[in-house]
């Protein structure tokens, strides 16, 4: 489905590339969500690059019930889309996201079903686990996911970006773990992933317990983001350029790298090395190794090398 939605008249992969600025205009020109989605606009701004845009600008991209379901559907399809090698996520309108749409979600959170305390608790757990999958599906996607944040990234937005592989932001961006302000502990990924992204337990505790805002410069110095851009257009151009560099590499190498980085994050060095050896015992038997080595020896750009779909 996504291949149909994203179909364009772009030339064959490896032969020609849109300029970053032209592609940014393509990425920014979406007039609304992409059916069947009602909260996401999905496009193909460059060959092998899928752009997923949070698209409820009038609601500040607040995360309603449909969003939590559609993100899972979207990224499950992206995972199986052989025409996609890398994903860029951004937000439409004035900010990245205001977080959870409290008005839309209040019923599920405040009035869970169940005949007694045990059944209510069981249903609440099922609900939380379902919402956790909305962002875990990004991490499970074998394609690298870049996220480009402008303006505010509040609450669930932090859960989302910490599940992504590369985080970029604008100079006016700010981040807030908001959940304690609305009477709950963040439960869909921030408390689990943010400590591994930033590395400073003290800073994570401060952000999560005080709900204070973290601005772009601090986000960069702490490691939450890797690059800060002066404005949204510059950031989207930079995100697309980086996505193009990743998409030009062997998908066997790129997807294997992502999967092994995540495995190593959650295991010891020894376990990671053993997993890597097992992984490459088969993955080294790809033609992509010889194609890449030949391009390097001939001093050719990998963008001129044609790799099979994966």
C-alpha atoms as a PDB file:
ATOM      1  CA  UNK A   1       0.000   0.000   0.000  1.00  0.00           C
ATOM      2  CA  UNK A   2       2.725   2.463   0.904  1.00  0.00           C
ATOM      3  CA  UNK A   3       4.467   1.807  -2.392  1.00  0.00           C
ATOM      4  CA  UNK A   4       1.293   2.843  -4.192  1.00  0.00           C
ATOM      5  CA  UNK A   5       0.818   5.883  -1.958  1.00  0.00           C
ATOM      6  CA  UNK A   6       4.415   6.975  -2.441  1.00  0.00           C
ATOM      7  CA  UNK A   7       4.714   6.154  -6.158  1.00  0.00           C
ATOM      8  CA  UNK A   8       6.382   8.931  -8.090  1.00  0.00           C
ATOM      9  CA  UNK A   9       8.104   9.629 -11.394  1.00  0.00           C
ATOM     10  CA  UNK A  10      11.568   9.640  -9.862  1.00  0.00           C
ATOM     11  CA  UNK A  11      14.345   8.004 -11.905  1.00  0.00           C
ATOM     12  CA  UNK A  12      15.715   4.590 -11.065  1.00  0.00           C
ATOM     13  CA  UNK A  13      17.681   4.409  -7.821  1.00  0.00           C
ATOM     14  CA  UNK A  14      21.353   5.207  -8.274  1.00  0.00           C
ATOM     15  CA  UNK A  15      20.973   7.196 -11.524  1.00  0.00           C
ATOM     16  CA  UNK A  16      19.772  10.591 -10.406  1.00  0.00           C
ATOM     17  CA  UNK A  17      19.010  12.452  -7.176  1.00  0.00           C
ATOM     18  CA  UNK A  18      16.770  15.399  -6.445  1.00  0.00           C
ATOM     19  CA  UNK A  19      18.433  18.385  -4.843  1.00  0.00           C
ATOM     20  CA  UNK A  20      17.734  18.669  -1.145  1.00  0.00           C
ATOM     21  CA  UNK A  21      15.895  21.956  -1.557  1.00  0.00           C
ATOM     22  CA  UNK A  22      13.575  20.644  -4.293  1.00  0.00           C
ATOM     23  CA  UNK A  23      12.824  17.582  -2.202  1.00  0.00           C
ATOM     24  CA  UNK A  24      12.122  19.726   0.856  1.00  0.00           C
ATOM     25  CA  UNK A  25       9.478  21.563  -1.130  1.00  0.00           C
ATOM     26  CA  UNK A  26       8.017  18.171  -2.036  1.00  0.00           C
ATOM     27  CA  UNK A  27       8.055  17.106   1.594  1.00  0.00           C
ATOM     28  CA  UNK A  28       6.412  20.340   2.688  1.00  0.00           C
ATOM     29  CA  UNK A  29       3.733  20.441   0.019  1.00  0.00           C
ATOM     30  CA  UNK A  30       1.409  17.809   1.456  1.00  0.00           C
ATOM     31  CA  UNK A  31      -2.127  19.187   1.713  1.00  0.00           C
ATOM     32  CA  UNK A  32      -3.361  16.645   4.186  1.00  0.00           C
ATOM     33  CA  UNK A  33      -3.097  13.098   5.536  1.00  0.00           C
ATOM     34  CA  UNK A  34      -2.557  10.209   3.129  1.00  0.00           C
ATOM     35  CA  UNK A  35      -5.583   7.861   2.950  1.00  0.00           C
ATOM     36  CA  UNK A  36      -6.280   5.533   4.639  1.00  0.00           C
ATOM     37  CA  UNK A  37      -4.457   7.491   7.358  1.00  0.00           C
ATOM     38  CA  UNK A  38      -6.136  10.443   9.053  1.00  0.00           C
ATOM     39  CA  UNK A  39      -3.192  11.656  11.159  1.00  0.00           C
ATOM     40  CA  UNK A  40      -0.182  10.917   8.929  1.00  0.00           C
ATOM     41  CA  UNK A  41       0.961  12.209   5.548  1.00  0.00           C
ATOM     42  CA  UNK A  42       3.225   9.699   3.790  1.00  0.00           C
ATOM     43  CA  UNK A  43       5.299  10.616   0.744  1.00  0.00           C
ATOM     44  CA  UNK A  44       8.399   9.599  -1.225  1.00  0.00           C
ATOM     45  CA  UNK A  45      10.457  12.835  -1.578  1.00  0.00           C
ATOM     46  CA  UNK A  46      13.478  11.010  -2.998  1.00  0.00           C
ATOM     47  CA  UNK A  47      14.245   7.544  -4.278  1.00  0.00           C
ATOM     48  CA  UNK A  48      14.193   4.975  -1.450  1.00  0.00           C
ATOM     49  CA  UNK A  49      13.327   7.646   1.158  1.00  0.00           C
ATOM     50  CA  UNK A  50       9.913   7.610   2.858  1.00  0.00           C
ATOM     51  CA  UNK A  51       8.687  10.723   4.653  1.00  0.00           C
ATOM     52  CA  UNK A  52       6.163  10.220   7.470  1.00  0.00           C
ATOM     53  CA  UNK A  53       4.708  13.518   8.657  1.00  0.00           C
ATOM     54  CA  UNK A  54       2.558  13.897  11.769  1.00  0.00           C
ATOM     55  CA  UNK A  55      -0.330  15.770  10.192  1.00  0.00           C
ATOM     56  CA  UNK A  56      -2.810  17.334  12.589  1.00  0.00           C
ATOM     57  CA  UNK A  57      -1.433  20.877  12.393  1.00  0.00           C
ATOM     58  CA  UNK A  58      -4.618  22.544  13.656  1.00  0.00           C
ATOM     59  CA  UNK A  59      -4.382  20.344  16.766  1.00  0.00           C
ATOM     60  CA  UNK A  60      -0.593  20.870  17.081  1.00  0.00           C
ATOM     61  CA  UNK A  61      -0.123  17.238  15.986  1.00  0.00           C
ATOM     62  CA  UNK A  62      -1.601  16.028  19.262  1.00  0.00           C
ATOM     63  CA  UNK A  63      -1.754  12.231  19.424  1.00  0.00           C
ATOM     64  CA  UNK A  64      -5.369  11.053  19.260  1.00  0.00           C
ATOM     65  CA  UNK A  65      -6.684   7.480  19.217  1.00  0.00           C
ATOM     66  CA  UNK A  66      -6.309   7.178  15.459  1.00  0.00           C
ATOM     67  CA  UNK A  67      -2.643   8.228  15.614  1.00  0.00           C
ATOM     68  CA  UNK A  68      -1.695   5.421  18.006  1.00  0.00           C
ATOM     69  CA  UNK A  69      -3.206   2.848  15.646  1.00  0.00           C
ATOM     70  CA  UNK A  70      -2.018   4.399  12.384  1.00  0.00           C
ATOM     71  CA  UNK A  71       1.646   4.629  13.411  1.00  0.00           C
ATOM     72  CA  UNK A  72       1.698   0.859  13.920  1.00  0.00           C
ATOM     73  CA  UNK A  73       0.010   0.219  10.583  1.00  0.00           C
ATOM     74  CA  UNK A  74       2.298   2.668   8.789  1.00  0.00           C
ATOM     75  CA  UNK A  75       5.596   1.348  10.138  1.00  0.00           C
ATOM     76  CA  UNK A  76       4.588  -2.284   9.737  1.00  0.00           C
ATOM     77  CA  UNK A  77       4.062  -1.531   6.039  1.00  0.00           C
ATOM     78  CA  UNK A  78       7.325   0.411   5.800  1.00  0.00           C
ATOM     79  CA  UNK A  79       9.180  -2.549   7.300  1.00  0.00           C
ATOM     80  CA  UNK A  80       7.986  -4.725   4.420  1.00  0.00           C
ATOM     81  CA  UNK A  81       8.367  -2.082   1.683  1.00  0.00           C
ATOM     82  CA  UNK A  82      11.394  -3.066  -0.415  1.00  0.00           C
ATOM     83  CA  UNK A  83      11.357   0.314  -2.163  1.00  0.00           C
ATOM     84  CA  UNK A  84      12.079   2.072   1.136  1.00  0.00           C
ATOM     85  CA  UNK A  85      15.585   2.113   2.641  1.00  0.00           C
ATOM     86  CA  UNK A  86      15.324   4.979   5.128  1.00  0.00           C
ATOM     87  CA  UNK A  87      12.552   6.960   6.839  1.00  0.00           C
ATOM     88  CA  UNK A  88      12.306  10.627   7.815  1.00  0.00           C
ATOM     89  CA  UNK A  89       9.702  11.608  10.433  1.00  0.00           C
ATOM     90  CA  UNK A  90       8.631  15.228  10.954  1.00  0.00           C
ATOM     91  CA  UNK A  91       5.660  17.301  12.061  1.00  0.00           C
ATOM     92  CA  UNK A  92       3.383  19.611  10.066  1.00  0.00           C
ATOM     93  CA  UNK A  93       2.567  23.132  11.175  1.00  0.00           C
ATOM     94  CA  UNK A  94       3.958  25.187  14.035  1.00  0.00           C
ATOM     95  CA  UNK A  95       5.496  22.389  16.114  1.00  0.00           C
ATOM     96  CA  UNK A  96       6.502  18.753  16.091  1.00  0.00           C
ATOM     97  CA  UNK A  97       3.844  17.598  18.559  1.00  0.00           C
ATOM     98  CA  UNK A  98       1.979  18.761  21.654  1.00  0.00           C
ATOM     99  CA  UNK A  99       1.909  15.158  22.903  1.00  0.00           C
ATOM    100  CA  UNK A 100      -1.160  13.178  23.924  1.00  0.00           C
ATOM    101  CA  UNK A 101      -4.555  14.528  22.877  1.00  0.00           C
ATOM    102  CA  UNK A 102      -6.028  14.520  26.379  1.00  0.00           C
ATOM    103  CA  UNK A 103      -9.577  15.309  25.268  1.00  0.00           C
ATOM    104  CA  UNK A 104      -9.649  12.419  22.801  1.00  0.00           C
ATOM    105  CA  UNK A 105      -7.832   9.936  25.036  1.00  0.00           C
ATOM    106  CA  UNK A 106      -9.537  10.742  28.352  1.00  0.00           C
ATOM    107  CA  UNK A 107     -12.159   8.024  28.032  1.00  0.00           C
ATOM    108  CA  UNK A 108      -9.656   5.203  27.613  1.00  0.00           C
ATOM    109  CA  UNK A 109      -7.367   6.460  30.376  1.00  0.00           C
ATOM    110  CA  UNK A 110      -9.879   7.598  32.991  1.00  0.00           C
ATOM    111  CA  UNK A 111     -12.750   5.153  32.477  1.00  0.00           C
ATOM    112  CA  UNK A 112     -11.276   1.723  31.700  1.00  0.00           C
ATOM    113  CA  UNK A 113     -13.662  -1.185  31.376  1.00  0.00           C
ATOM    114  CA  UNK A 114     -13.897  -4.091  33.807  1.00  0.00           C
ATOM    115  CA  UNK A 115     -16.288  -5.718  36.297  1.00  0.00           C
ATOM    116  CA  UNK A 116     -13.861  -5.546  39.212  1.00  0.00           C
ATOM    117  CA  UNK A 117     -10.440  -4.176  40.155  1.00  0.00           C
ATOM    118  CA  UNK A 118      -8.580  -7.159  38.690  1.00  0.00           C
ATOM    119  CA  UNK A 119     -10.332  -6.906  35.334  1.00  0.00           C
ATOM    120  CA  UNK A 120      -9.967  -3.134  35.197  1.00  0.00           C
ATOM    121  CA  UNK A 121      -6.239  -3.500  35.910  1.00  0.00           C
ATOM    122  CA  UNK A 122      -5.886  -6.203  33.267  1.00  0.00           C
ATOM    123  CA  UNK A 123      -7.573  -4.023  30.650  1.00  0.00           C
ATOM    124  CA  UNK A 124      -5.446  -1.014  31.573  1.00  0.00           C
ATOM    125  CA  UNK A 125      -2.313  -3.118  31.129  1.00  0.00           C
ATOM    126  CA  UNK A 126      -3.508  -4.283  27.692  1.00  0.00           C
ATOM    127  CA  UNK A 127      -4.176  -0.669  26.752  1.00  0.00           C
ATOM    128  CA  UNK A 128      -0.734   0.538  27.868  1.00  0.00           C
ATOM    129  CA  UNK A 129       0.973  -2.311  26.039  1.00  0.00           C
ATOM    130  CA  UNK A 130      -0.941  -1.407  22.868  1.00  0.00           C
ATOM    131  CA  UNK A 131       0.171   2.210  23.109  1.00  0.00           C
ATOM    132  CA  UNK A 132       3.762   1.163  23.785  1.00  0.00           C
ATOM    133  CA  UNK A 133       3.787  -0.670  20.450  1.00  0.00           C
ATOM    134  CA  UNK A 134       3.077   2.631  18.654  1.00  0.00           C
ATOM    135  CA  UNK A 135       6.689   3.669  19.225  1.00  0.00           C
ATOM    136  CA  UNK A 136       8.318   0.263  19.629  1.00  0.00           C
ATOM    137  CA  UNK A 137       7.324  -0.412  16.019  1.00  0.00           C
ATOM    138  CA  UNK A 138       9.702   2.396  14.977  1.00  0.00           C
ATOM    139  CA  UNK A 139      12.579   0.715  16.796  1.00  0.00           C
ATOM    140  CA  UNK A 140      11.636  -2.681  15.338  1.00  0.00           C
ATOM    141  CA  UNK A 141      11.559  -1.300  11.793  1.00  0.00           C
ATOM    142  CA  UNK A 142      14.768  -2.517  10.090  1.00  0.00           C
ATOM    143  CA  UNK A 143      15.020   0.711   8.064  1.00  0.00           C
ATOM    144  CA  UNK A 144      16.881   3.555   9.833  1.00  0.00           C
ATOM    145  CA  UNK A 145      14.491   6.253  11.068  1.00  0.00           C
ATOM    146  CA  UNK A 146      15.570   9.904  11.226  1.00  0.00           C
ATOM    147  CA  UNK A 147      13.349  12.318  13.138  1.00  0.00           C
ATOM    148  CA  UNK A 148      13.373  16.069  12.506  1.00  0.00           C
ATOM    149  CA  UNK A 149      11.962  18.167  15.353  1.00  0.00           C
ATOM    150  CA  UNK A 150      10.924  21.817  15.147  1.00  0.00           C
ATOM    151  CA  UNK A 151       9.226  23.827  17.871  1.00  0.00           C
ATOM    152  CA  UNK A 152       7.792  21.867  20.783  1.00  0.00           C
ATOM    153  CA  UNK A 153       8.250  18.145  21.363  1.00  0.00           C
ATOM    154  CA  UNK A 154       6.143  17.380  24.411  1.00  0.00           C
ATOM    155  CA  UNK A 155       5.244  14.228  26.326  1.00  0.00           C
ATOM    156  CA  UNK A 156       4.540  11.470  23.825  1.00  0.00           C
ATOM    157  CA  UNK A 157       6.779  13.280  21.363  1.00  0.00           C
ATOM    158  CA  UNK A 158       9.790  12.397  23.531  1.00  0.00           C
ATOM    159  CA  UNK A 159       8.613   8.781  23.611  1.00  0.00           C
ATOM    160  CA  UNK A 160       8.505   8.873  19.810  1.00  0.00           C
ATOM    161  CA  UNK A 161      11.891  10.457  19.135  1.00  0.00           C
ATOM    162  CA  UNK A 162      13.783   8.222  21.572  1.00  0.00           C
ATOM    163  CA  UNK A 163      12.620   5.219  19.509  1.00  0.00           C
ATOM    164  CA  UNK A 164      14.205   6.755  16.377  1.00  0.00           C
ATOM    165  CA  UNK A 165      17.786   6.142  15.270  1.00  0.00           C
ATOM    166  CA  UNK A 166      18.928   9.709  14.507  1.00  0.00           C
ATOM    167  CA  UNK A 167      17.469  12.887  16.003  1.00  0.00           C
ATOM    168  CA  UNK A 168      17.794  16.369  14.463  1.00  0.00           C
ATOM    169  CA  UNK A 169      16.201  19.621  15.577  1.00  0.00           C
ATOM    170  CA  UNK A 170      15.900  23.331  14.874  1.00  0.00           C
ATOM    171  CA  UNK A 171      17.357  26.058  17.063  1.00  0.00           C
ATOM    172  CA  UNK A 172      13.867  26.898  18.361  1.00  0.00           C
ATOM    173  CA  UNK A 173      13.075  23.307  19.360  1.00  0.00           C
ATOM    174  CA  UNK A 174      12.407  22.305  22.942  1.00  0.00           C
ATOM    175  CA  UNK A 175      11.667  19.014  24.632  1.00  0.00           C
ATOM    176  CA  UNK A 176       9.582  18.213  27.702  1.00  0.00           C
ATOM    177  CA  UNK A 177       8.847  14.987  29.560  1.00  0.00           C
ATOM    178  CA  UNK A 178       5.431  16.280  30.577  1.00  0.00           C
ATOM    179  CA  UNK A 179       3.751  13.272  32.144  1.00  0.00           C
ATOM    180  CA  UNK A 180       4.298  14.111  35.834  1.00  0.00           C
ATOM    181  CA  UNK A 181       2.432  17.367  35.238  1.00  0.00           C
ATOM    182  CA  UNK A 182      -0.697  15.402  34.330  1.00  0.00           C
ATOM    183  CA  UNK A 183      -0.420  12.952  37.204  1.00  0.00           C
ATOM    184  CA  UNK A 184       1.210   9.902  35.676  1.00  0.00           C
ATOM    185  CA  UNK A 185       4.582   8.313  35.001  1.00  0.00           C
ATOM    186  CA  UNK A 186       5.597   8.223  31.339  1.00  0.00           C
ATOM    187  CA  UNK A 187       4.686   4.714  30.235  1.00  0.00           C
ATOM    188  CA  UNK A 188       5.306   4.298  26.502  1.00  0.00           C
ATOM    189  CA  UNK A 189       9.087   4.459  26.227  1.00  0.00           C
ATOM    190  CA  UNK A 190      10.706   7.641  27.562  1.00  0.00           C
ATOM    191  CA  UNK A 191      11.732   6.245  30.947  1.00  0.00           C
ATOM    192  CA  UNK A 192      13.207   3.155  29.291  1.00  0.00           C
ATOM    193  CA  UNK A 193      14.943   4.712  26.257  1.00  0.00           C
ATOM    194  CA  UNK A 194      15.944   8.223  27.326  1.00  0.00           C
ATOM    195  CA  UNK A 195      18.554   7.005  29.875  1.00  0.00           C
ATOM    196  CA  UNK A 196      20.244   5.031  27.096  1.00  0.00           C
ATOM    197  CA  UNK A 197      20.097   7.951  24.679  1.00  0.00           C
ATOM    198  CA  UNK A 198      21.479  10.622  26.999  1.00  0.00           C
ATOM    199  CA  UNK A 199      23.615   8.500  29.299  1.00  0.00           C
ATOM    200  CA  UNK A 200      23.288  10.800  32.330  1.00  0.00           C
ATOM    201  CA  UNK A 201      20.934   9.239  34.835  1.00  0.00           C
ATOM    202  CA  UNK A 202      20.906  12.452  36.864  1.00  0.00           C
ATOM    203  CA  UNK A 203      19.801  14.553  33.895  1.00  0.00           C
ATOM    204  CA  UNK A 204      17.132  12.037  32.902  1.00  0.00           C
ATOM    205  CA  UNK A 205      15.809  12.011  36.460  1.00  0.00           C
ATOM    206  CA  UNK A 206      15.727  15.807  36.517  1.00  0.00           C
ATOM    207  CA  UNK A 207      13.831  16.052  33.248  1.00  0.00           C
ATOM    208  CA  UNK A 208      11.344  13.307  34.134  1.00  0.00           C
ATOM    209  CA  UNK A 209      10.699  14.450  37.724  1.00  0.00           C
ATOM    210  CA  UNK A 210      10.461  18.208  37.145  1.00  0.00           C
ATOM    211  CA  UNK A 211       8.916  18.286  33.636  1.00  0.00           C
ATOM    212  CA  UNK A 212      11.171  21.236  32.806  1.00  0.00           C
ATOM    213  CA  UNK A 213      11.888  22.177  29.217  1.00  0.00           C
ATOM    214  CA  UNK A 214      15.144  21.241  27.522  1.00  0.00           C
ATOM    215  CA  UNK A 215      16.140  23.576  24.689  1.00  0.00           C
ATOM    216  CA  UNK A 216      18.104  22.800  21.538  1.00  0.00           C
ATOM    217  CA  UNK A 217      21.602  23.649  22.790  1.00  0.00           C
ATOM    218  CA  UNK A 218      21.233  21.458  25.866  1.00  0.00           C
ATOM    219  CA  UNK A 219      19.664  18.700  23.776  1.00  0.00           C
ATOM    220  CA  UNK A 220      22.737  18.782  21.524  1.00  0.00           C
ATOM    221  CA  UNK A 221      25.278  18.855  24.364  1.00  0.00           C
ATOM    222  CA  UNK A 222      23.529  16.012  26.197  1.00  0.00           C
ATOM    223  CA  UNK A 223      23.326  13.807  23.101  1.00  0.00           C
ATOM    224  CA  UNK A 224      19.556  13.816  22.674  1.00  0.00           C
ATOM    225  CA  UNK A 225      20.049  15.249  19.167  1.00  0.00           C
ATOM    226  CA  UNK A 226      23.107  15.042  16.947  1.00  0.00           C
ATOM    227  CA  UNK A 227      22.595  18.218  14.901  1.00  0.00           C
ATOM    228  CA  UNK A 228      20.878  21.583  15.364  1.00  0.00           C
ATOM    229  CA  UNK A 229      19.745  23.644  12.344  1.00  0.00           C
ATOM    230  CA  UNK A 230      18.808  27.340  12.174  1.00  0.00           C
ATOM    231  CA  UNK A 231      15.282  26.728  10.865  1.00  0.00           C
ATOM    232  CA  UNK A 232      12.896  24.046   9.638  1.00  0.00           C
ATOM    233  CA  UNK A 233      13.758  24.330   5.945  1.00  0.00           C
ATOM    234  CA  UNK A 234      17.464  23.915   6.683  1.00  0.00           C
ATOM    235  CA  UNK A 235      16.710  20.974   8.973  1.00  0.00           C
ATOM    236  CA  UNK A 236      14.537  19.188   6.421  1.00  0.00           C
ATOM    237  CA  UNK A 237      17.174  19.714   3.732  1.00  0.00           C
ATOM    238  CA  UNK A 238      19.784  18.304   6.102  1.00  0.00           C
ATOM    239  CA  UNK A 239      17.563  15.372   7.035  1.00  0.00           C
ATOM    240  CA  UNK A 240      16.945  14.532   3.395  1.00  0.00           C
ATOM    241  CA  UNK A 241      20.622  14.791   2.535  1.00  0.00           C
ATOM    242  CA  UNK A 242      21.506  12.451   5.401  1.00  0.00           C
ATOM    243  CA  UNK A 243      18.722  10.063   4.402  1.00  0.00           C
ATOM    244  CA  UNK A 244      20.090  10.029   0.854  1.00  0.00           C
ATOM    245  CA  UNK A 245      23.565   9.152   2.104  1.00  0.00           C
ATOM    246  CA  UNK A 246      22.144   6.226   4.092  1.00  0.00           C
ATOM    247  CA  UNK A 247      19.896   5.071   1.237  1.00  0.00           C
ATOM    248  CA  UNK A 248      22.905   4.972  -1.116  1.00  0.00           C
ATOM    249  CA  UNK A 249      24.576   2.267   0.976  1.00  0.00           C
ATOM    250  CA  UNK A 250      23.918  -1.455   0.796  1.00  0.00           C
ATOM    251  CA  UNK A 251      20.562  -2.201   2.466  1.00  0.00           C
ATOM    252  CA  UNK A 252      22.056  -5.443   3.775  1.00  0.00           C
ATOM    253  CA  UNK A 253      24.784  -3.449   5.520  1.00  0.00           C
ATOM    254  CA  UNK A 254      22.530  -0.623   6.711  1.00  0.00           C
ATOM    255  CA  UNK A 255      19.730  -2.753   8.113  1.00  0.00           C
ATOM    256  CA  UNK A 256      22.193  -5.176   9.678  1.00  0.00           C
ATOM    257  CA  UNK A 257      23.966  -2.269  11.340  1.00  0.00           C
ATOM    258  CA  UNK A 258      20.728  -0.926  12.852  1.00  0.00           C
ATOM    259  CA  UNK A 259      19.624  -4.305  14.166  1.00  0.00           C
ATOM    260  CA  UNK A 260      23.013  -5.019  15.715  1.00  0.00           C
ATOM    261  CA  UNK A 261      23.286  -1.572  17.302  1.00  0.00           C
ATOM    262  CA  UNK A 262      19.950  -2.129  19.052  1.00  0.00           C
ATOM    263  CA  UNK A 263      20.914  -5.648  20.116  1.00  0.00           C
ATOM    264  CA  UNK A 264      24.237  -4.441  21.514  1.00  0.00           C
ATOM    265  CA  UNK A 265      22.515  -1.639  23.441  1.00  0.00           C
ATOM    266  CA  UNK A 266      20.532  -4.202  25.414  1.00  0.00           C
ATOM    267  CA  UNK A 267      23.224  -6.885  25.850  1.00  0.00           C
ATOM    268  CA  UNK A 268      26.782  -7.236  27.080  1.00  0.00           C
ATOM    269  CA  UNK A 269      29.759  -6.646  24.792  1.00  0.00           C
ATOM    270  CA  UNK A 270      30.458 -10.375  24.681  1.00  0.00           C
ATOM    271  CA  UNK A 271      26.860 -11.174  23.747  1.00  0.00           C
ATOM    272  CA  UNK A 272      26.870  -8.440  21.117  1.00  0.00           C
ATOM    273  CA  UNK A 273      30.058  -9.746  19.535  1.00  0.00           C
ATOM    274  CA  UNK A 274      28.714 -13.291  19.442  1.00  0.00           C
ATOM    275  CA  UNK A 275      25.459 -12.108  17.859  1.00  0.00           C
ATOM    276  CA  UNK A 276      27.439 -10.078  15.309  1.00  0.00           C
ATOM    277  CA  UNK A 277      29.555 -13.101  14.346  1.00  0.00           C
ATOM    278  CA  UNK A 278      26.422 -15.190  13.864  1.00  0.00           C
ATOM    279  CA  UNK A 279      24.807 -12.405  11.854  1.00  0.00           C
ATOM    280  CA  UNK A 280      27.733 -11.900   9.484  1.00  0.00           C
ATOM    281  CA  UNK A 281      28.342 -15.595   8.921  1.00  0.00           C
ATOM    282  CA  UNK A 282      25.487 -15.298   6.422  1.00  0.00           C
ATOM    283  CA  UNK A 283      25.294 -11.579   5.647  1.00  0.00           C
ATOM    284  CA  UNK A 284      28.921 -11.437   4.414  1.00  0.00           C
ATOM    285  CA  UNK A 285      27.875 -13.743   1.603  1.00  0.00           C
ATOM    286  CA  UNK A 286      26.214 -10.881  -0.268  1.00  0.00           C
ATOM    287  CA  UNK A 287      27.242  -9.356  -3.588  1.00  0.00           C
ATOM    288  CA  UNK A 288      26.925  -5.962  -1.883  1.00  0.00           C
ATOM    289  CA  UNK A 289      30.364  -6.380  -0.296  1.00  0.00           C
ATOM    290  CA  UNK A 290      32.109  -6.725  -3.657  1.00  0.00           C
ATOM    291  CA  UNK A 291      30.016  -3.956  -5.230  1.00  0.00           C
ATOM    292  CA  UNK A 292      30.844  -1.562  -2.385  1.00  0.00           C
ATOM    293  CA  UNK A 293      34.541  -2.474  -2.373  1.00  0.00           C
ATOM    294  CA  UNK A 294      34.738  -2.006  -6.142  1.00  0.00           C
ATOM    295  CA  UNK A 295      33.127   1.437  -5.895  1.00  0.00           C
ATOM    296  CA  UNK A 296      35.644   2.455  -3.228  1.00  0.00           C
ATOM    297  CA  UNK A 297      38.629   1.192  -5.247  1.00  0.00           C
ATOM    298  CA  UNK A 298      37.364   2.959  -8.369  1.00  0.00           C
ATOM    299  CA  UNK A 299      36.662   6.100  -6.320  1.00  0.00           C
ATOM    300  CA  UNK A 300      33.033   6.093  -7.382  1.00  0.00           C
ATOM    301  CA  UNK A 301      30.131   7.386  -5.326  1.00  0.00           C
ATOM    302  CA  UNK A 302      27.960   4.671  -3.816  1.00  0.00           C
ATOM    303  CA  UNK A 303      25.030   6.613  -5.254  1.00  0.00           C
ATOM    304  CA  UNK A 304      26.156   5.259  -8.612  1.00  0.00           C
ATOM    305  CA  UNK A 305      26.103   1.659  -7.379  1.00  0.00           C
ATOM    306  CA  UNK A 306      22.953  -0.385  -7.893  1.00  0.00           C
ATOM    307  CA  UNK A 307      22.099  -2.669  -4.963  1.00  0.00           C
ATOM    308  CA  UNK A 308      19.287  -5.216  -5.109  1.00  0.00           C
ATOM    309  CA  UNK A 309      16.164  -4.566  -3.077  1.00  0.00           C
ATOM    310  CA  UNK A 310      15.873  -6.107   0.363  1.00  0.00           C
END
